[in-house]
Amino acid sequence: MASTGFFIPDKEYFNIGEASRVTQVPSYTLRYWETALHAPRPVRRASGHRRYTRKDLESIFKIKELLYDRKLTLAGAKKALNREARAQAGGMLDLHAIGRLKRELREILLELK
């Protein structure tokens, strides 16, 4: 992951111990973030063990930045993650917002006539 400056080994999946070592976040904290922030979302093996992907590790680094560097609360970090997810989904949300805005402007225009 070049953008954050962190090195993620070239593997497809990581167990919780490996994810903890790579991100330098204790495993109990990773488990807590899963429940409190609903991120990361590791897949579970049939045995119940977590399998973190590279994307999961990137989200851990993002959460770590929000909480430790930017000093956000868990609620603030959750809002920031949701905002970022909406921005990435962008197109559909923007089209709905634009449509709503157009309807409101038409109604105002009719009232002014």
PDB file of N, CA and C in Angstrom:
ATOM      1  N   MET A   1       0.852  -1.175   0.000  1.00  0.00           N
ATOM      2  CA  MET A   1       0.000   0.000   0.000  1.00  0.00           C
ATOM      3  C   MET A   1       0.886   1.221   0.000  1.00  0.00           C
ATOM      4  N   ALA A   2       1.176   1.750  -1.131  1.00  0.00           N
ATOM      5  CA  ALA A   2       2.127   2.834  -1.269  1.00  0.00           C
ATOM      6  C   ALA A   2       1.600   4.166  -0.755  1.00  0.00           C
ATOM      7  N   SER A   3       0.293   4.404  -0.839  1.00  0.00           N
ATOM      8  CA  SER A   3      -0.252   5.705  -0.486  1.00  0.00           C
ATOM      9  C   SER A   3      -0.094   6.034   0.994  1.00  0.00           C
ATOM     10  N   THR A   4      -0.133   5.043   1.874  1.00  0.00           N
ATOM     11  CA  THR A   4      -0.001   5.323   3.302  1.00  0.00           C
ATOM     12  C   THR A   4       1.424   5.167   3.792  1.00  0.00           C
ATOM     13  N   GLY A   5       2.273   4.559   2.980  1.00  0.00           N
ATOM     14  CA  GLY A   5       3.641   4.360   3.407  1.00  0.00           C
ATOM     15  C   GLY A   5       3.828   3.088   4.226  1.00  0.00           C
ATOM     16  N   PHE A   6       2.771   2.303   4.411  1.00  0.00           N
ATOM     17  CA  PHE A   6       2.867   1.066   5.159  1.00  0.00           C
ATOM     18  C   PHE A   6       3.105  -0.081   4.205  1.00  0.00           C
ATOM     19  N   PHE A   7       3.848  -1.056   4.675  1.00  0.00           N
ATOM     20  CA  PHE A   7       4.139  -2.228   3.855  1.00  0.00           C
ATOM     21  C   PHE A   7       3.193  -3.357   4.228  1.00  0.00           C
ATOM     22  N   ILE A   8       2.471  -3.849   3.236  1.00  0.00           N
ATOM     23  CA  ILE A   8       1.612  -5.011   3.431  1.00  0.00           C
ATOM     24  C   ILE A   8       2.228  -6.146   2.634  1.00  0.00           C
ATOM     25  N   PRO A   9       2.577  -7.259   3.298  1.00  0.00           N
ATOM     26  CA  PRO A   9       3.170  -8.387   2.575  1.00  0.00           C
ATOM     27  C   PRO A   9       2.290  -8.838   1.409  1.00  0.00           C
ATOM     28  N   ASP A  10       2.926  -9.399   0.413  1.00  0.00           N
ATOM     29  CA  ASP A  10       2.231  -9.844  -0.790  1.00  0.00           C
ATOM     30  C   ASP A  10       1.574 -11.201  -0.549  1.00  0.00           C
ATOM     31  N   LYS A  11       0.453 -11.169   0.165  1.00  0.00           N
ATOM     32  CA  LYS A  11      -0.339 -12.365   0.448  1.00  0.00           C
ATOM     33  C   LYS A  11      -1.793 -12.025   0.189  1.00  0.00           C
ATOM     34  N   GLU A  12      -2.581 -13.049  -0.048  1.00  0.00           N
ATOM     35  CA  GLU A  12      -4.006 -12.823  -0.282  1.00  0.00           C
ATOM     36  C   GLU A  12      -4.781 -12.695   1.026  1.00  0.00           C
ATOM     37  N   TYR A  13      -4.481 -13.570   1.995  1.00  0.00           N
ATOM     38  CA  TYR A  13      -5.192 -13.577   3.269  1.00  0.00           C
ATOM     39  C   TYR A  13      -4.223 -13.560   4.440  1.00  0.00           C
ATOM     40  N   PHE A  14      -4.687 -12.996   5.555  1.00  0.00           N
ATOM     41  CA  PHE A  14      -3.892 -12.906   6.775  1.00  0.00           C
ATOM     42  C   PHE A  14      -4.756 -13.368   7.940  1.00  0.00           C
ATOM     43  N   ASN A  15      -4.168 -14.130   8.866  1.00  0.00           N
ATOM     44  CA  ASN A  15      -4.922 -14.460  10.072  1.00  0.00           C
ATOM     45  C   ASN A  15      -4.852 -13.259  11.011  1.00  0.00           C
ATOM     46  N   ILE A  16      -5.557 -13.307  12.123  1.00  0.00           N
ATOM     47  CA  ILE A  16      -5.640 -12.139  12.994  1.00  0.00           C
ATOM     48  C   ILE A  16      -4.277 -11.773  13.590  1.00  0.00           C
ATOM     49  N   GLY A  17      -3.451 -12.770  13.871  1.00  0.00           N
ATOM     50  CA  GLY A  17      -2.111 -12.491  14.405  1.00  0.00           C
ATOM     51  C   GLY A  17      -1.245 -11.757  13.397  1.00  0.00           C
ATOM     52  N   GLU A  18      -1.309 -12.204  12.145  1.00  0.00           N
ATOM     53  CA  GLU A  18      -0.532 -11.538  11.085  1.00  0.00           C
ATOM     54  C   GLU A  18      -1.056 -10.128  10.855  1.00  0.00           C
ATOM     55  N   ALA A  19      -2.388  -9.968  10.834  1.00  0.00           N
ATOM     56  CA  ALA A  19      -2.975  -8.638  10.642  1.00  0.00           C
ATOM     57  C   ALA A  19      -2.561  -7.710  11.781  1.00  0.00           C
ATOM     58  N   SER A  20      -2.520  -8.243  12.987  1.00  0.00           N
ATOM     59  CA  SER A  20      -2.112  -7.463  14.149  1.00  0.00           C
ATOM     60  C   SER A  20      -0.651  -7.017  14.034  1.00  0.00           C
ATOM     61  N   ARG A  21       0.219  -7.920  13.604  1.00  0.00           N
ATOM     62  CA  ARG A  21       1.645  -7.578  13.464  1.00  0.00           C
ATOM     63  C   ARG A  21       1.864  -6.547  12.359  1.00  0.00           C
ATOM     64  N   VAL A  22       1.214  -6.745  11.215  1.00  0.00           N
ATOM     65  CA  VAL A  22       1.410  -5.842  10.080  1.00  0.00           C
ATOM     66  C   VAL A  22       0.913  -4.438  10.418  1.00  0.00           C
ATOM     67  N   THR A  23      -0.259  -4.346  11.042  1.00  0.00           N
ATOM     68  CA  THR A  23      -0.860  -3.029  11.326  1.00  0.00           C
ATOM     69  C   THR A  23      -0.402  -2.440  12.659  1.00  0.00           C
ATOM     70  N   GLN A  24       0.233  -3.262  13.473  1.00  0.00           N
ATOM     71  CA  GLN A  24       0.665  -2.859  14.809  1.00  0.00           C
ATOM     72  C   GLN A  24      -0.517  -2.401  15.663  1.00  0.00           C
ATOM     73  N   VAL A  25      -1.600  -3.166  15.546  1.00  0.00           N
ATOM     74  CA  VAL A  25      -2.802  -2.951  16.349  1.00  0.00           C
ATOM     75  C   VAL A  25      -3.093  -4.278  17.047  1.00  0.00           C
ATOM     76  N   PRO A  26      -3.290  -4.275  18.370  1.00  0.00           N
ATOM     77  CA  PRO A  26      -3.548  -5.528  19.082  1.00  0.00           C
ATOM     78  C   PRO A  26      -4.775  -6.251  18.524  1.00  0.00           C
ATOM     79  N   SER A  27      -4.749  -7.575  18.567  1.00  0.00           N
ATOM     80  CA  SER A  27      -5.848  -8.369  18.012  1.00  0.00           C
ATOM     81  C   SER A  27      -7.170  -8.084  18.714  1.00  0.00           C
ATOM     82  N   TYR A  28      -7.142  -7.830  20.029  1.00  0.00           N
ATOM     83  CA  TYR A  28      -8.387  -7.522  20.730  1.00  0.00           C
ATOM     84  C   TYR A  28      -8.979  -6.204  20.240  1.00  0.00           C
ATOM     85  N   THR A  29      -8.114  -5.262  19.827  1.00  0.00           N
ATOM     86  CA  THR A  29      -8.590  -3.993  19.275  1.00  0.00           C
ATOM     87  C   THR A  29      -9.215  -4.216  17.901  1.00  0.00           C
ATOM     88  N   LEU A  30      -8.603  -5.072  17.095  1.00  0.00           N
ATOM     89  CA  LEU A  30      -9.178  -5.392  15.780  1.00  0.00           C
ATOM     90  C   LEU A  30     -10.575  -5.987  15.939  1.00  0.00           C
ATOM     91  N   ARG A  31     -10.719  -6.911  16.890  1.00  0.00           N
ATOM     92  CA  ARG A  31     -12.033  -7.528  17.124  1.00  0.00           C
ATOM     93  C   ARG A  31     -13.043  -6.482  17.592  1.00  0.00           C
ATOM     94  N   TYR A  32     -12.607  -5.559  18.431  1.00  0.00           N
ATOM     95  CA  TYR A  32     -13.500  -4.506  18.920  1.00  0.00           C
ATOM     96  C   TYR A  32     -13.936  -3.595  17.771  1.00  0.00           C
ATOM     97  N   TRP A  33     -12.999  -3.194  16.916  1.00  0.00           N
ATOM     98  CA  TRP A  33     -13.345  -2.336  15.774  1.00  0.00           C
ATOM     99  C   TRP A  33     -14.355  -3.018  14.866  1.00  0.00           C
ATOM    100  N   GLU A  34     -14.251  -4.343  14.719  1.00  0.00           N
ATOM    101  CA  GLU A  34     -15.216  -5.073  13.886  1.00  0.00           C
ATOM    102  C   GLU A  34     -16.636  -4.862  14.392  1.00  0.00           C
ATOM    103  N   THR A  35     -16.813  -4.877  15.707  1.00  0.00           N
ATOM    104  CA  THR A  35     -18.157  -4.710  16.262  1.00  0.00           C
ATOM    105  C   THR A  35     -18.556  -3.247  16.369  1.00  0.00           C
ATOM    106  N   ALA A  36     -17.647  -2.383  16.798  1.00  0.00           N
ATOM    107  CA  ALA A  36     -17.989  -0.981  17.017  1.00  0.00           C
ATOM    108  C   ALA A  36     -18.095  -0.183  15.722  1.00  0.00           C
ATOM    109  N   LEU A  37     -17.224  -0.442  14.763  1.00  0.00           N
ATOM    110  CA  LEU A  37     -17.184   0.344  13.528  1.00  0.00           C
ATOM    111  C   LEU A  37     -17.678  -0.436  12.318  1.00  0.00           C
ATOM    112  N   HIS A  38     -17.915  -1.718  12.483  1.00  0.00           N
ATOM    113  CA  HIS A  38     -18.305  -2.597  11.368  1.00  0.00           C
ATOM    114  C   HIS A  38     -17.253  -2.588  10.264  1.00  0.00           C
ATOM    115  N   ALA A  39     -16.043  -2.363  10.653  1.00  0.00           N
ATOM    116  CA  ALA A  39     -14.900  -2.405   9.731  1.00  0.00           C
ATOM    117  C   ALA A  39     -13.692  -2.744  10.583  1.00  0.00           C
ATOM    118  N   PRO A  40     -12.793  -3.491  10.120  1.00  0.00           N
ATOM    119  CA  PRO A  40     -12.803  -4.251   8.875  1.00  0.00           C
ATOM    120  C   PRO A  40     -13.823  -5.375   8.944  1.00  0.00           C
ATOM    121  N   ARG A  41     -14.034  -6.023   7.809  1.00  0.00           N
ATOM    122  CA  ARG A  41     -14.983  -7.138   7.758  1.00  0.00           C
ATOM    123  C   ARG A  41     -14.285  -8.386   7.230  1.00  0.00           C
ATOM    124  N   PRO A  42     -13.506  -9.032   8.080  1.00  0.00           N
ATOM    125  CA  PRO A  42     -12.814 -10.236   7.604  1.00  0.00           C
ATOM    126  C   PRO A  42     -13.800 -11.368   7.352  1.00  0.00           C
ATOM    127  N   VAL A  43     -13.477 -12.183   6.372  1.00  0.00           N
ATOM    128  CA  VAL A  43     -14.310 -13.359   6.123  1.00  0.00           C
ATOM    129  C   VAL A  43     -13.960 -14.408   7.169  1.00  0.00           C
ATOM    130  N   ARG A  44     -14.900 -15.278   7.443  1.00  0.00           N
ATOM    131  CA  ARG A  44     -14.672 -16.337   8.426  1.00  0.00           C
ATOM    132  C   ARG A  44     -14.510 -17.657   7.703  1.00  0.00           C
ATOM    133  N   ARG A  45     -13.535 -18.402   8.134  1.00  0.00           N
ATOM    134  CA  ARG A  45     -13.354 -19.760   7.616  1.00  0.00           C
ATOM    135  C   ARG A  45     -14.405 -20.659   8.258  1.00  0.00           C
ATOM    136  N   ALA A  46     -14.543 -21.857   7.767  1.00  0.00           N
ATOM    137  CA  ALA A  46     -15.502 -22.804   8.339  1.00  0.00           C
ATOM    138  C   ALA A  46     -15.211 -23.043   9.814  1.00  0.00           C
ATOM    139  N   SER A  47     -13.942 -22.943  10.192  1.00  0.00           N
ATOM    140  CA  SER A  47     -13.544 -23.145  11.590  1.00  0.00           C
ATOM    141  C   SER A  47     -13.844 -21.923  12.458  1.00  0.00           C
ATOM    142  N   GLY A  48     -14.263 -20.820  11.835  1.00  0.00           N
ATOM    143  CA  GLY A  48     -14.575 -19.608  12.584  1.00  0.00           C
ATOM    144  C   GLY A  48     -13.429 -18.616  12.662  1.00  0.00           C
ATOM    145  N   HIS A  49     -12.255 -18.996  12.173  1.00  0.00           N
ATOM    146  CA  HIS A  49     -11.110 -18.093  12.212  1.00  0.00           C
ATOM    147  C   HIS A  49     -11.266 -16.972  11.191  1.00  0.00           C
ATOM    148  N   ARG A  50     -10.801 -15.787  11.566  1.00  0.00           N
ATOM    149  CA  ARG A  50     -10.890 -14.635  10.683  1.00  0.00           C
ATOM    150  C   ARG A  50      -9.821 -14.709   9.600  1.00  0.00           C
ATOM    151  N   ARG A  51     -10.189 -14.280   8.392  1.00  0.00           N
ATOM    152  CA  ARG A  51      -9.241 -14.180   7.277  1.00  0.00           C
ATOM    153  C   ARG A  51      -9.312 -12.753   6.757  1.00  0.00           C
ATOM    154  N   TYR A  52      -8.301 -11.974   7.059  1.00  0.00           N
ATOM    155  CA  TYR A  52      -8.239 -10.578   6.629  1.00  0.00           C
ATOM    156  C   TYR A  52      -7.647 -10.495   5.227  1.00  0.00           C
ATOM    157  N   THR A  53      -8.215  -9.641   4.391  1.00  0.00           N
ATOM    158  CA  THR A  53      -7.697  -9.398   3.054  1.00  0.00           C
ATOM    159  C   THR A  53      -6.827  -8.145   3.090  1.00  0.00           C
ATOM    160  N   ARG A  54      -6.174  -7.853   1.985  1.00  0.00           N
ATOM    161  CA  ARG A  54      -5.381  -6.620   1.882  1.00  0.00           C
ATOM    162  C   ARG A  54      -6.286  -5.403   2.085  1.00  0.00           C
ATOM    163  N   LYS A  55      -7.500  -5.470   1.541  1.00  0.00           N
ATOM    164  CA  LYS A  55      -8.452  -4.370   1.702  1.00  0.00           C
ATOM    165  C   LYS A  55      -8.788  -4.160   3.177  1.00  0.00           C
ATOM    166  N   ASP A  56      -8.947  -5.264   3.922  1.00  0.00           N
ATOM    167  CA  ASP A  56      -9.197  -5.164   5.360  1.00  0.00           C
ATOM    168  C   ASP A  56      -8.034  -4.463   6.061  1.00  0.00           C
ATOM    169  N   LEU A  57      -6.802  -4.822   5.688  1.00  0.00           N
ATOM    170  CA  LEU A  57      -5.631  -4.191   6.308  1.00  0.00           C
ATOM    171  C   LEU A  57      -5.581  -2.706   5.962  1.00  0.00           C
ATOM    172  N   GLU A  58      -5.945  -2.356   4.737  1.00  0.00           N
ATOM    173  CA  GLU A  58      -5.982  -0.934   4.362  1.00  0.00           C
ATOM    174  C   GLU A  58      -7.011  -0.187   5.194  1.00  0.00           C
ATOM    175  N   SER A  59      -8.165  -0.817   5.448  1.00  0.00           N
ATOM    176  CA  SER A  59      -9.174  -0.148   6.278  1.00  0.00           C
ATOM    177  C   SER A  59      -8.696  -0.037   7.724  1.00  0.00           C
ATOM    178  N   ILE A  60      -7.930  -1.008   8.201  1.00  0.00           N
ATOM    179  CA  ILE A  60      -7.366  -0.908   9.553  1.00  0.00           C
ATOM    180  C   ILE A  60      -6.410   0.276   9.640  1.00  0.00           C
ATOM    181  N   PHE A  61      -5.560   0.436   8.624  1.00  0.00           N
ATOM    182  CA  PHE A  61      -4.652   1.584   8.619  1.00  0.00           C
ATOM    183  C   PHE A  61      -5.429   2.897   8.595  1.00  0.00           C
ATOM    184  N   LYS A  62      -6.548   2.941   7.858  1.00  0.00           N
ATOM    185  CA  LYS A  62      -7.372   4.146   7.786  1.00  0.00           C
ATOM    186  C   LYS A  62      -7.993   4.439   9.145  1.00  0.00           C
ATOM    187  N   ILE A  63      -8.530   3.414   9.801  1.00  0.00           N
ATOM    188  CA  ILE A  63      -9.127   3.586  11.130  1.00  0.00           C
ATOM    189  C   ILE A  63      -8.069   4.040  12.123  1.00  0.00           C
ATOM    190  N   LYS A  64      -6.904   3.437  12.044  1.00  0.00           N
ATOM    191  CA  LYS A  64      -5.800   3.794  12.932  1.00  0.00           C
ATOM    192  C   LYS A  64      -5.433   5.271  12.750  1.00  0.00           C
ATOM    193  N   GLU A  65      -5.398   5.719  11.501  1.00  0.00           N
ATOM    194  CA  GLU A  65      -5.106   7.133  11.231  1.00  0.00           C
ATOM    195  C   GLU A  65      -6.184   8.037  11.831  1.00  0.00           C
ATOM    196  N   LEU A  66      -7.440   7.676  11.634  1.00  0.00           N
ATOM    197  CA  LEU A  66      -8.538   8.496  12.156  1.00  0.00           C
ATOM    198  C   LEU A  66      -8.521   8.582  13.675  1.00  0.00           C
ATOM    199  N   LEU A  67      -8.284   7.452  14.329  1.00  0.00           N
ATOM    200  CA  LEU A  67      -8.340   7.416  15.791  1.00  0.00           C
ATOM    201  C   LEU A  67      -7.073   7.932  16.455  1.00  0.00           C
ATOM    202  N   TYR A  68      -5.915   7.521  15.953  1.00  0.00           N
ATOM    203  CA  TYR A  68      -4.668   7.839  16.641  1.00  0.00           C
ATOM    204  C   TYR A  68      -4.020   9.129  16.150  1.00  0.00           C
ATOM    205  N   ASP A  69      -4.046   9.370  14.841  1.00  0.00           N
ATOM    206  CA  ASP A  69      -3.392  10.569  14.304  1.00  0.00           C
ATOM    207  C   ASP A  69      -4.313  11.786  14.330  1.00  0.00           C
ATOM    208  N   ARG A  70      -5.550  11.599  13.847  1.00  0.00           N
ATOM    209  CA  ARG A  70      -6.487  12.722  13.803  1.00  0.00           C
ATOM    210  C   ARG A  70      -7.255  12.886  15.100  1.00  0.00           C
ATOM    211  N   LYS A  71      -7.087  11.938  16.036  1.00  0.00           N
ATOM    212  CA  LYS A  71      -7.669  11.989  17.385  1.00  0.00           C
ATOM    213  C   LYS A  71      -9.199  12.050  17.375  1.00  0.00           C
ATOM    214  N   LEU A  72      -9.830  11.353  16.417  1.00  0.00           N
ATOM    215  CA  LEU A  72     -11.290  11.297  16.387  1.00  0.00           C
ATOM    216  C   LEU A  72     -11.783  10.276  17.403  1.00  0.00           C
ATOM    217  N   THR A  73     -13.016  10.457  17.852  1.00  0.00           N
ATOM    218  CA  THR A  73     -13.655   9.456  18.698  1.00  0.00           C
ATOM    219  C   THR A  73     -14.117   8.312  17.804  1.00  0.00           C
ATOM    220  N   LEU A  74     -14.587   7.231  18.411  1.00  0.00           N
ATOM    221  CA  LEU A  74     -15.117   6.125  17.607  1.00  0.00           C
ATOM    222  C   LEU A  74     -16.302   6.603  16.765  1.00  0.00           C
ATOM    223  N   ALA A  75     -17.167   7.427  17.359  1.00  0.00           N
ATOM    224  CA  ALA A  75     -18.319   7.941  16.607  1.00  0.00           C
ATOM    225  C   ALA A  75     -17.853   8.820  15.447  1.00  0.00           C
ATOM    226  N   GLY A  76     -16.848   9.652  15.690  1.00  0.00           N
ATOM    227  CA  GLY A  76     -16.315  10.505  14.631  1.00  0.00           C
ATOM    228  C   GLY A  76     -15.659   9.697  13.526  1.00  0.00           C
ATOM    229  N   ALA A  77     -14.934   8.656  13.906  1.00  0.00           N
ATOM    230  CA  ALA A  77     -14.292   7.797  12.910  1.00  0.00           C
ATOM    231  C   ALA A  77     -15.342   7.069  12.083  1.00  0.00           C
ATOM    232  N   LYS A  78     -16.416   6.615  12.737  1.00  0.00           N
ATOM    233  CA  LYS A  78     -17.489   5.917  12.024  1.00  0.00           C
ATOM    234  C   LYS A  78     -18.140   6.851  11.008  1.00  0.00           C
ATOM    235  N   LYS A  79     -18.373   8.106  11.397  1.00  0.00           N
ATOM    236  CA  LYS A  79     -18.951   9.086  10.475  1.00  0.00           C
ATOM    237  C   LYS A  79     -18.014   9.340   9.303  1.00  0.00           C
ATOM    238  N   ALA A  80     -16.726   9.475   9.591  1.00  0.00           N
ATOM    239  CA  ALA A  80     -15.747   9.724   8.522  1.00  0.00           C
ATOM    240  C   ALA A  80     -15.695   8.542   7.558  1.00  0.00           C
ATOM    241  N   LEU A  81     -15.724   7.323   8.077  1.00  0.00           N
ATOM    242  CA  LEU A  81     -15.718   6.136   7.218  1.00  0.00           C
ATOM    243  C   LEU A  81     -16.984   6.070   6.368  1.00  0.00           C
ATOM    244  N   ASN A  82     -18.131   6.408   6.966  1.00  0.00           N
ATOM    245  CA  ASN A  82     -19.388   6.409   6.212  1.00  0.00           C
ATOM    246  C   ASN A  82     -19.379   7.471   5.119  1.00  0.00           C
ATOM    247  N   ARG A  83     -18.838   8.649   5.451  1.00  0.00           N
ATOM    248  CA  ARG A  83     -18.730   9.728   4.451  1.00  0.00           C
ATOM    249  C   ARG A  83     -17.857   9.285   3.289  1.00  0.00           C
ATOM    250  N   GLU A  84     -16.746   8.670   3.614  1.00  0.00           N
ATOM    251  CA  GLU A  84     -15.820   8.205   2.574  1.00  0.00           C
ATOM    252  C   GLU A  84     -16.477   7.134   1.703  1.00  0.00           C
ATOM    253  N   ALA A  85     -17.224   6.227   2.332  1.00  0.00           N
ATOM    254  CA  ALA A  85     -17.908   5.174   1.567  1.00  0.00           C
ATOM    255  C   ALA A  85     -18.952   5.779   0.642  1.00  0.00           C
ATOM    256  N   ARG A  86     -19.684   6.784   1.139  1.00  0.00           N
ATOM    257  CA  ARG A  86     -20.677   7.449   0.287  1.00  0.00           C
ATOM    258  C   ARG A  86     -20.007   8.179  -0.859  1.00  0.00           C
ATOM    259  N   ALA A  87     -18.872   8.813  -0.592  1.00  0.00           N
ATOM    260  CA  ALA A  87     -18.157   9.535  -1.647  1.00  0.00           C
ATOM    261  C   ALA A  87     -17.646   8.569  -2.711  1.00  0.00           C
ATOM    262  N   GLN A  88     -17.202   7.381  -2.289  1.00  0.00           N
ATOM    263  CA  GLN A  88     -16.729   6.392  -3.254  1.00  0.00           C
ATOM    264  C   GLN A  88     -17.887   5.827  -4.061  1.00  0.00           C
ATOM    265  N   ALA A  89     -19.058   5.700  -3.442  1.00  0.00           N
ATOM    266  CA  ALA A  89     -20.231   5.228  -4.167  1.00  0.00           C
ATOM    267  C   ALA A  89     -20.720   6.329  -5.097  1.00  0.00           C
ATOM    268  N   GLY A  90     -20.387   7.553  -4.738  1.00  0.00           N
ATOM    269  CA  GLY A  90     -20.609   8.797  -5.447  1.00  0.00           C
ATOM    270  C   GLY A  90     -21.702   8.888  -6.460  1.00  0.00           C
ATOM    271  N   GLY A  91     -21.510   8.333  -7.632  1.00  0.00           N
ATOM    272  CA  GLY A  91     -22.395   8.542  -8.751  1.00  0.00           C
ATOM    273  C   GLY A  91     -23.867   8.434  -8.418  1.00  0.00           C
ATOM    274  N   MET A  92     -24.286   7.340  -7.832  1.00  0.00           N
ATOM    275  CA  MET A  92     -25.698   7.129  -7.543  1.00  0.00           C
ATOM    276  C   MET A  92     -26.201   8.120  -6.502  1.00  0.00           C
ATOM    277  N   LEU A  93     -25.438   8.351  -5.457  1.00  0.00           N
ATOM    278  CA  LEU A  93     -25.874   9.289  -4.434  1.00  0.00           C
ATOM    279  C   LEU A  93     -25.966  10.692  -4.999  1.00  0.00           C
ATOM    280  N   ASP A  94     -25.020  11.081  -5.811  1.00  0.00           N
ATOM    281  CA  ASP A  94     -25.032  12.412  -6.392  1.00  0.00           C
ATOM    282  C   ASP A  94     -26.225  12.592  -7.316  1.00  0.00           C
ATOM    283  N   LEU A  95     -26.570  11.584  -8.097  1.00  0.00           N
ATOM    284  CA  LEU A  95     -27.715  11.677  -8.998  1.00  0.00           C
ATOM    285  C   LEU A  95     -29.010  11.857  -8.219  1.00  0.00           C
ATOM    286  N   HIS A  96     -29.152  11.149  -7.115  1.00  0.00           N
ATOM    287  CA  HIS A  96     -30.350  11.298  -6.292  1.00  0.00           C
ATOM    288  C   HIS A  96     -30.412  12.695  -5.681  1.00  0.00           C
ATOM    289  N   ALA A  97     -29.311  13.189  -5.198  1.00  0.00           N
ATOM    290  CA  ALA A  97     -29.274  14.527  -4.603  1.00  0.00           C
ATOM    291  C   ALA A  97     -29.565  15.588  -5.649  1.00  0.00           C
ATOM    292  N   ILE A  98     -29.028  15.429  -6.829  1.00  0.00           N
ATOM    293  CA  ILE A  98     -29.266  16.394  -7.906  1.00  0.00           C
ATOM    294  C   ILE A  98     -30.729  16.381  -8.315  1.00  0.00           C
ATOM    295  N   GLY A  99     -31.321  15.200  -8.412  1.00  0.00           N
ATOM    296  CA  GLY A  99     -32.741  15.089  -8.749  1.00  0.00           C
ATOM    297  C   GLY A  99     -33.624  15.773  -7.720  1.00  0.00           C
ATOM    298  N   ARG A 100     -33.315  15.563  -6.442  1.00  0.00           N
ATOM    299  CA  ARG A 100     -34.064  16.220  -5.362  1.00  0.00           C
ATOM    300  C   ARG A 100     -33.927  17.726  -5.455  1.00  0.00           C
ATOM    301  N   LEU A 101     -32.714  18.196  -5.689  1.00  0.00           N
ATOM    302  CA  LEU A 101     -32.456  19.632  -5.789  1.00  0.00           C
ATOM    303  C   LEU A 101     -33.215  20.241  -6.962  1.00  0.00           C
ATOM    304  N   LYS A 102     -33.239  19.540  -8.094  1.00  0.00           N
ATOM    305  CA  LYS A 102     -33.970  20.036  -9.261  1.00  0.00           C
ATOM    306  C   LYS A 102     -35.457  20.171  -8.960  1.00  0.00           C
ATOM    307  N   ARG A 103     -36.042  19.175  -8.293  1.00  0.00           N
ATOM    308  CA  ARG A 103     -37.469  19.240  -7.937  1.00  0.00           C
ATOM    309  C   ARG A 103     -37.749  20.414  -7.017  1.00  0.00           C
ATOM    310  N   GLU A 104     -36.877  20.605  -6.021  1.00  0.00           N
ATOM    311  CA  GLU A 104     -37.065  21.718  -5.088  1.00  0.00           C
ATOM    312  C   GLU A 104     -36.963  23.059  -5.797  1.00  0.00           C
ATOM    313  N   LEU A 105     -36.015  23.182  -6.712  1.00  0.00           N
ATOM    314  CA  LEU A 105     -35.869  24.435  -7.449  1.00  0.00           C
ATOM    315  C   LEU A 105     -37.079  24.703  -8.343  1.00  0.00           C
ATOM    316  N   ARG A 106     -37.620  23.649  -8.968  1.00  0.00           N
ATOM    317  CA  ARG A 106     -38.828  23.821  -9.788  1.00  0.00           C
ATOM    318  C   ARG A 106     -39.993  24.303  -8.931  1.00  0.00           C
ATOM    319  N   GLU A 107     -40.133  23.721  -7.728  1.00  0.00           N
ATOM    320  CA  GLU A 107     -41.222  24.145  -6.828  1.00  0.00           C
ATOM    321  C   GLU A 107     -41.063  25.608  -6.418  1.00  0.00           C
ATOM    322  N   ILE A 108     -39.842  26.020  -6.135  1.00  0.00           N
ATOM    323  CA  ILE A 108     -39.583  27.419  -5.775  1.00  0.00           C
ATOM    324  C   ILE A 108     -39.899  28.322  -6.961  1.00  0.00           C
ATOM    325  N   LEU A 109     -39.495  27.920  -8.143  1.00  0.00           N
ATOM    326  CA  LEU A 109     -39.739  28.695  -9.343  1.00  0.00           C
ATOM    327  C   LEU A 109     -41.245  28.863  -9.571  1.00  0.00           C
ATOM    328  N   LEU A 110     -42.017  27.787  -9.377  1.00  0.00           N
ATOM    329  CA  LEU A 110     -43.470  27.874  -9.531  1.00  0.00           C
ATOM    330  C   LEU A 110     -44.081  28.816  -8.507  1.00  0.00           C
ATOM    331  N   GLU A 111     -43.581  28.808  -7.292  1.00  0.00           N
ATOM    332  CA  GLU A 111     -44.093  29.703  -6.255  1.00  0.00           C
ATOM    333  C   GLU A 111     -43.787  31.157  -6.576  1.00  0.00           C
ATOM    334  N   LEU A 112     -42.667  31.410  -7.201  1.00  0.00           N
ATOM    335  CA  LEU A 112     -42.269  32.786  -7.537  1.00  0.00           C
ATOM    336  C   LEU A 112     -43.067  33.352  -8.718  1.00  0.00           C
ATOM    337  N   LYS A 113     -43.645  32.505  -9.551  1.00  0.00           N
ATOM    338  CA  LYS A 113     -44.393  32.977 -10.724  1.00  0.00           C
ATOM    339  C   LYS A 113     -45.721  33.506 -10.347  1.00  0.00           C
TER     340      LYS A 113
END
